[in-house]
Amino acid sequence: MKNPAFERRLRAMRTYHANKRGNAFDKGVLAFHRYDECAADDLSWWDDCQIIVNRRRVMIWWTHPRFKYRNAIENSAWEAAGESPPPGDWLATIRSNPVRKKVGKSRSRIVAYKSSEPDAEHRAYYDKLRAAEDRIADEGLDLVVRPSLARRSLDWCTGLDLCIPVEVRNIAELQALAAIGRRLLKGETTLGRLYPGYEYGRNAWRAEQDRRDAKGRFSIQLLSMPLARAIA
């Protein structure tokens, strides 16, 4: 027996795709990012893209197992650093540093507020946090990350949360990732067949340390690394 709610969702997905205009698919893949600054031997962390299956959009949210391992290191560092100092009345602090723009000979209006520098207590805490991040990153964690796949149905697409050990540094590699996602979605293969016995743990993390350190210390990289996000 058909599920009416599921059938309505399938129709909504097809309607969304039929009415969507202006998307530029390259060989069946819609990319959201540029790769101009990616070197051929860079380590990959996450990416996302869209494909079309059965006249419906499929959103692939991909992470490399090292990305989950990296996030676990960051969480462990927060635990090691302990509770942060209270924020204080940050709103009052911001309001005490207005940026004004002249709108007449004798009048001005507030157009922005300057953020103040953190106090000594907060600076000391974040120095402690960054030191913990670097220490734990050097030592590694007793953690194993395995390939995983989770499927979800949204009103506008089918979503795949995919964690597999591939590198995505250019459009060709993104298209290869999309092809894997398509095969998994259609049941043509499984993670067990593609990556039998694969595990990402301390040894794999430490084996990549020199390549990571070439980009700077772990805590410094965190300050500039973008966060994965879903695109609706």
Protein backbone atom coordinates (compact mmCIF):
# COMPACT_ATOMS: atom_id res chain seq x y z
CA MET A 1 0.00 0.00 0.00
CA LYS A 2 1.32 3.42 -0.91
CA ASN A 3 2.04 5.97 1.77
CA PRO A 4 0.03 9.14 0.92
CA ALA A 5 2.40 11.46 2.80
CA PHE A 6 5.43 9.98 1.04
CA GLU A 7 3.74 10.22 -2.36
CA ARG A 8 2.87 13.87 -1.73
CA ARG A 9 6.49 14.54 -0.88
CA LEU A 10 7.67 12.89 -4.09
CA ARG A 11 5.30 15.08 -6.10
CA ALA A 12 6.55 18.15 -4.25
CA MET A 13 10.15 17.22 -5.11
CA ARG A 14 9.32 16.85 -8.81
CA THR A 15 7.40 20.14 -8.78
CA TYR A 16 10.35 21.92 -7.17
CA HIS A 17 12.76 20.56 -9.79
CA ALA A 18 10.40 21.35 -12.69
CA ASN A 19 9.96 24.95 -11.53
CA LYS A 20 13.60 25.60 -10.66
CA ARG A 21 15.32 27.68 -13.31
CA GLY A 22 18.81 28.93 -13.96
CA ASN A 23 20.85 26.16 -12.29
CA ALA A 24 23.96 25.23 -14.31
CA PHE A 25 24.55 21.48 -14.08
CA ASP A 26 27.92 20.32 -15.40
CA LYS A 27 27.76 16.67 -16.50
CA GLY A 28 24.73 16.20 -14.25
CA VAL A 29 26.28 17.86 -11.19
CA LEU A 30 25.46 21.25 -9.68
CA ALA A 31 28.50 22.61 -7.82
CA PHE A 32 28.36 25.31 -5.16
CA HIS A 33 32.04 26.05 -4.63
CA ARG A 34 35.15 27.09 -6.53
CA TYR A 35 38.43 25.19 -6.37
CA ASP A 36 40.84 27.82 -7.66
CA GLU A 37 42.95 27.76 -4.48
CA CYS A 38 43.02 23.98 -4.04
CA ALA A 39 46.34 22.28 -4.75
CA ALA A 40 46.49 18.84 -6.31
CA ASP A 41 47.74 17.26 -3.06
CA ASP A 42 45.53 19.17 -0.59
CA LEU A 43 43.60 17.28 2.06
CA SER A 44 39.82 17.48 1.63
CA TRP A 45 37.34 18.00 4.44
CA TRP A 46 33.78 18.52 3.18
CA ASP A 47 31.73 19.57 0.17
CA ASP A 48 28.19 19.47 -1.19
CA CYS A 49 26.51 19.26 -4.57
CA GLN A 50 23.24 18.40 -6.29
CA ILE A 51 22.36 15.71 -8.81
CA ILE A 52 19.08 14.72 -10.47
CA VAL A 53 17.58 11.24 -10.09
CA ASN A 54 14.13 10.34 -11.46
CA ARG A 55 13.26 14.01 -12.11
CA ARG A 56 13.99 14.89 -8.48
CA ARG A 57 16.83 16.82 -6.86
CA VAL A 58 19.28 14.92 -4.68
CA MET A 59 21.43 16.95 -2.31
CA ILE A 60 24.70 15.30 -1.31
CA TRP A 61 26.30 16.57 1.90
CA TRP A 62 29.72 14.95 2.01
CA THR A 63 32.40 14.84 4.68
CA HIS A 64 35.70 13.00 4.75
CA PRO A 65 36.21 10.79 7.84
CA ARG A 66 39.11 13.08 8.80
CA PHE A 67 36.60 15.94 9.10
CA LYS A 68 34.65 14.04 11.78
CA TYR A 69 37.93 13.17 13.46
CA ARG A 70 38.97 16.83 13.37
CA ASN A 71 35.65 17.89 14.92
CA ALA A 72 36.15 15.33 17.71
CA ILE A 73 39.57 16.88 18.44
CA GLU A 74 38.00 20.33 18.64
CA ASN A 75 35.28 19.08 21.00
CA SER A 76 37.91 17.36 23.17
CA ALA A 77 39.89 20.60 23.36
CA TRP A 78 36.82 22.52 24.57
CA GLU A 79 36.35 19.92 27.30
CA ALA A 80 40.04 20.15 28.28
CA ALA A 81 39.94 23.96 28.43
CA GLY A 82 37.01 23.91 30.84
CA GLU A 83 34.21 26.41 31.18
CA SER A 84 34.81 29.77 29.56
CA PRO A 85 34.63 33.02 31.56
CA PRO A 86 31.21 34.69 31.70
CA PRO A 87 30.58 36.95 28.71
CA GLY A 88 29.60 39.98 30.72
CA ASP A 89 27.30 42.67 29.36
CA TRP A 90 28.55 42.45 25.77
CA LEU A 91 25.60 44.39 24.38
CA ALA A 92 26.34 47.39 26.59
CA THR A 93 30.01 47.18 25.61
CA ILE A 94 29.17 47.26 21.90
CA ARG A 95 26.73 50.14 22.35
CA SER A 96 29.46 52.17 24.03
CA ASN A 97 31.50 52.14 20.78
CA PRO A 98 29.22 53.57 18.08
CA VAL A 99 30.39 54.50 14.58
CA ARG A 100 28.72 57.68 13.41
CA LYS A 101 28.24 59.14 9.94
CA LYS A 102 27.59 62.80 9.24
CA VAL A 103 24.18 63.49 7.70
CA GLY A 104 24.31 67.25 7.88
CA LYS A 105 26.44 70.15 9.05
CA SER A 106 25.73 69.49 12.71
CA ARG A 107 24.01 66.10 12.77
CA SER A 108 25.18 62.50 12.60
CA ARG A 109 23.64 59.06 12.91
CA ILE A 110 24.90 55.70 14.15
CA VAL A 111 25.68 53.36 11.26
CA ALA A 112 27.56 50.57 13.11
CA TYR A 113 29.19 49.57 16.36
CA LYS A 114 32.83 48.67 16.97
CA SER A 115 33.52 45.41 18.73
CA SER A 116 35.89 45.73 21.66
CA GLU A 117 39.00 43.64 22.27
CA PRO A 118 38.56 40.67 24.65
CA ASP A 119 39.71 41.28 28.19
CA ALA A 120 42.73 39.55 29.78
CA GLU A 121 40.62 36.75 31.26
CA HIS A 122 39.09 35.83 27.92
CA ARG A 123 42.44 36.11 26.11
CA ALA A 124 44.00 33.72 28.62
CA TYR A 125 41.13 31.26 28.19
CA TYR A 126 41.37 31.18 24.40
CA ASP A 127 45.15 30.84 24.57
CA LYS A 128 44.55 27.79 26.76
CA LEU A 129 41.97 26.47 24.29
CA ARG A 130 44.29 26.86 21.29
CA ALA A 131 47.12 25.16 23.17
CA ALA A 132 44.80 22.24 23.97
CA GLU A 133 43.74 22.02 20.31
CA ASP A 134 47.35 21.83 19.13
CA ARG A 135 48.35 19.32 21.81
CA ILE A 136 45.44 16.96 21.14
CA ALA A 137 45.90 17.31 17.38
CA ASP A 138 49.55 16.26 17.76
CA GLU A 139 48.69 13.30 19.99
CA GLY A 140 45.51 12.19 18.21
CA LEU A 141 42.43 10.62 19.77
CA ASP A 142 41.46 7.04 20.50
CA LEU A 143 38.66 7.27 17.94
CA VAL A 144 37.70 5.34 14.80
CA VAL A 145 35.54 6.87 12.05
CA ARG A 146 33.98 4.55 9.47
CA PRO A 147 32.17 5.34 6.20
CA SER A 148 28.50 6.15 6.75
CA LEU A 149 25.40 7.03 4.78
CA ALA A 150 22.12 8.52 5.96
CA ARG A 151 19.19 9.30 3.67
CA ARG A 152 16.44 11.79 4.41
CA SER A 153 13.44 13.10 2.51
CA LEU A 154 12.78 16.83 2.42
CA ASP A 155 10.00 18.77 0.75
CA TRP A 156 12.29 19.78 -2.11
CA CYS A 157 14.84 16.97 -2.41
CA THR A 158 16.27 13.71 -1.20
CA GLY A 159 19.25 14.35 1.06
CA LEU A 160 22.30 12.12 1.41
CA ASP A 161 24.61 12.64 4.38
CA LEU A 162 27.67 10.83 3.08
CA CYS A 163 30.96 10.22 4.87
CA ILE A 164 33.47 8.43 2.64
CA PRO A 165 37.27 8.60 2.12
CA VAL A 166 37.60 10.44 -1.18
CA GLU A 167 39.35 13.70 -2.04
CA VAL A 168 37.44 16.61 -3.63
CA ARG A 169 39.76 19.37 -4.90
CA ASN A 170 38.31 20.10 -8.33
CA ILE A 171 35.18 19.65 -10.43
CA ALA A 172 36.29 16.28 -11.79
CA GLU A 173 36.67 14.87 -8.28
CA LEU A 174 33.32 16.39 -7.26
CA GLN A 175 31.70 14.64 -10.22
CA ALA A 176 33.32 11.37 -9.15
CA LEU A 177 31.86 11.87 -5.66
CA ALA A 178 28.43 12.57 -7.17
CA ALA A 179 28.66 9.35 -9.21
CA ILE A 180 29.30 7.37 -6.02
CA GLY A 181 26.34 9.04 -4.33
CA ARG A 182 24.11 8.20 -7.29
CA ARG A 183 25.16 4.52 -7.25
CA LEU A 184 24.57 4.27 -3.50
CA LEU A 185 21.15 5.92 -3.79
CA LYS A 186 20.05 3.57 -6.57
CA GLY A 187 21.27 0.51 -4.70
CA GLU A 188 23.90 -0.36 -7.31
CA THR A 189 26.60 -0.69 -4.64
CA THR A 190 27.13 -0.39 -0.88
CA LEU A 191 29.67 1.21 1.41
CA GLY A 192 30.83 -2.25 2.41
CA ARG A 193 31.69 -3.11 -1.18
CA LEU A 194 33.34 0.22 -1.89
CA TYR A 195 35.38 0.53 1.33
CA PRO A 196 35.63 -2.92 2.94
CA GLY A 197 37.08 -2.65 6.43
CA TYR A 198 38.01 1.02 6.08
CA GLU A 199 38.70 2.90 9.33
CA TYR A 200 40.09 6.37 9.96
CA GLY A 201 41.80 6.66 13.32
CA ARG A 202 44.87 7.88 15.14
CA ASN A 203 47.38 6.29 12.73
CA ALA A 204 45.73 7.82 9.66
CA TRP A 205 45.47 11.23 11.37
CA ARG A 206 49.12 11.28 12.44
CA ALA A 207 50.28 10.02 9.03
CA GLU A 208 48.79 13.22 7.53
CA GLN A 209 50.30 15.55 10.12
CA ASP A 210 53.07 16.94 7.92
CA ARG A 211 50.57 17.81 5.19
CA ARG A 212 48.32 19.57 7.69
CA ASP A 213 51.19 21.42 9.35
CA ALA A 214 52.21 22.79 5.96
CA LYS A 215 49.03 24.90 6.20
CA GLY A 216 49.80 26.08 9.75
CA ARG A 217 49.13 24.86 13.24
CA PHE A 218 45.85 23.08 13.90
CA SER A 219 44.32 25.88 15.99
CA ILE A 220 45.22 28.48 13.37
CA GLN A 221 43.60 26.44 10.61
CA LEU A 222 40.38 26.22 12.64
CA LEU A 223 40.07 30.00 12.64
CA SER A 224 39.79 30.09 8.84
CA MET A 225 38.12 26.75 8.04
CA PRO A 226 34.52 27.12 6.79
CA LEU A 227 31.72 25.13 8.36
CA ALA A 228 29.65 22.68 6.38
CA ARG A 229 26.11 23.93 5.72
CA ALA A 230 22.96 22.73 4.04
CA ILE A 231 21.81 24.67 0.97
CA ALA A 232 18.06 24.86 0.41
